[in-house]
C-alpha cells in the first residue's frame, strides 16, 4: 500500500483536530481487537506518516473499512472528518436538510 491509497487521511485541509477527535470517539465507542487500538492511538499522537506498511494496513482494515464511509449516503458528496464527527456520516448540507424541519 502506498500513500495514494490513503486518500481518506489527506482529504481535509484542517490540522488534524477533527480527524483525531473522530478517532478518539471511535476508541470510546468500539472495542478494537489486536493491535488496532494501539495503532489508532499512534495515529492520534503522531499522525499517519509514522506507521509502517503493516501498521497502515491494519489501520485501513480495522478502522477505515468499517468506520469511514467515503461519501454521503444521501447525495454522494465526499465526506470529511468533520462530517463524520459532527454530521452523523452525512455531508453538512444533507444533515441540515434532515433536521431543518424538526
Protein backbone atom coordinates (compact mmCIF):
# COMPACT_ATOMS: atom_id res chain seq x y z
CA UNK A 1 0.00 0.00 0.00
CA UNK A 2 1.16 3.48 -0.82
CA UNK A 3 0.26 6.93 0.45
CA UNK A 4 -2.09 7.50 -2.50
CA UNK A 5 -4.12 4.52 -1.25
CA UNK A 6 -4.89 6.58 1.84
CA UNK A 7 -6.92 9.35 0.19
CA UNK A 8 -9.16 9.47 3.27
CA UNK A 9 -6.33 10.56 5.53
CA UNK A 10 -5.25 13.52 3.46
CA UNK A 11 -8.63 14.75 2.23
CA UNK A 12 -9.15 17.52 4.81
CA UNK A 13 -7.28 20.78 4.88
CA UNK A 14 -7.58 21.03 8.66
CA UNK A 15 -4.73 20.49 11.09
CA UNK A 16 -5.92 17.05 12.10
CA UNK A 17 -8.10 18.08 15.04
CA UNK A 18 -11.31 16.69 13.53
CA UNK A 19 -9.55 13.51 12.44
CA UNK A 20 -8.13 12.95 15.90
CA UNK A 21 -11.45 13.78 17.59
CA UNK A 22 -13.21 11.26 15.36
CA UNK A 23 -10.60 8.60 16.12
CA UNK A 24 -10.95 9.29 19.87
CA UNK A 25 -14.71 8.91 19.50
CA UNK A 26 -14.20 5.54 17.80
CA UNK A 27 -11.94 4.39 20.63
CA UNK A 28 -14.60 5.37 23.17
CA UNK A 29 -17.44 3.65 21.31
CA UNK A 30 -15.86 0.47 19.96
CA UNK A 31 -13.62 -2.25 21.29
CA UNK A 32 -10.85 -2.83 18.77
CA UNK A 33 -9.10 -6.19 18.77
CA UNK A 34 -5.43 -6.93 18.38
CA UNK A 35 -3.05 -4.10 17.58
CA UNK A 36 -5.70 -1.80 16.07
CA UNK A 37 -6.30 0.20 19.26
CA UNK A 38 -2.60 0.96 19.72
CA UNK A 39 -2.26 1.91 16.06
CA UNK A 40 -5.22 4.29 16.34
CA UNK A 41 -3.58 5.90 19.38
CA UNK A 42 -0.32 6.20 17.45
CA UNK A 43 -2.11 7.94 14.56
CA UNK A 44 -3.73 10.35 17.04
CA UNK A 45 -0.40 11.11 18.72
CA UNK A 46 1.99 11.17 15.78
CA UNK A 47 -0.01 11.09 12.56
CA UNK A 48 -0.39 8.51 9.85
CA UNK A 49 3.02 9.05 8.28
CA UNK A 50 4.85 7.31 11.15
CA UNK A 51 3.08 3.97 10.55
CA UNK A 52 4.90 1.09 8.97
CA UNK A 53 3.29 -0.53 5.93
CA UNK A 54 1.96 -3.33 8.13
CA UNK A 55 0.51 -0.88 10.69
CA UNK A 56 -1.08 1.15 7.90
CA UNK A 57 -2.65 -1.99 6.52
CA UNK A 58 -4.10 -2.90 9.94
CA UNK A 59 -5.42 0.66 10.37
CA UNK A 60 -7.08 0.53 6.97
CA UNK A 61 -8.55 -2.93 7.55
CA UNK A 62 -9.90 -2.32 11.08
CA UNK A 63 -10.76 1.38 11.03
CA UNK A 64 -11.27 2.76 7.55
CA UNK A 65 -13.16 -0.18 6.03
CA UNK A 66 -15.65 -0.26 8.90
CA UNK A 67 -15.87 3.30 10.21
CA UNK A 68 -15.19 5.67 7.33
CA UNK A 69 -17.74 5.82 4.53
CA UNK A 70 -16.19 7.66 1.61
CA UNK A 71 -19.30 9.61 0.66
CA UNK A 72 -22.60 10.95 1.95
CA UNK A 73 -25.25 8.28 1.99
CA UNK A 74 -27.83 10.76 0.72
CA UNK A 75 -26.17 12.78 -2.04
CA UNK A 76 -22.82 11.08 -2.68
CA UNK A 77 -20.61 14.07 -1.77
CA UNK A 78 -17.15 13.20 -0.43
CA UNK A 79 -17.14 13.24 3.36
CA UNK A 80 -14.59 14.99 5.52
CA UNK A 81 -13.53 14.06 9.02
CA UNK A 82 -15.75 16.84 10.39
CA UNK A 83 -18.76 15.34 8.55
CA UNK A 84 -18.08 12.06 10.29
CA UNK A 85 -17.67 13.74 13.65
CA UNK A 86 -20.47 16.31 13.60
CA UNK A 87 -22.97 15.29 10.93
CA UNK A 88 -23.67 11.60 11.51
CA UNK A 89 -21.81 10.49 8.35
CA UNK A 90 -23.78 12.87 6.13
CA UNK A 91 -22.42 15.96 4.42
CA UNK A 92 -23.26 19.22 6.18
CA UNK A 93 -25.94 20.18 3.64
CA UNK A 94 -27.82 16.85 3.87
CA UNK A 95 -27.55 16.91 7.66
CA UNK A 96 -29.03 20.42 7.68
CA UNK A 97 -31.83 19.35 5.33
CA UNK A 98 -32.62 16.38 7.52
CA UNK A 99 -33.03 18.47 10.68
CA UNK A 100 -34.26 21.83 9.39
CA UNK A 101 -37.93 20.90 9.72
CA UNK A 102 -37.59 19.27 13.14
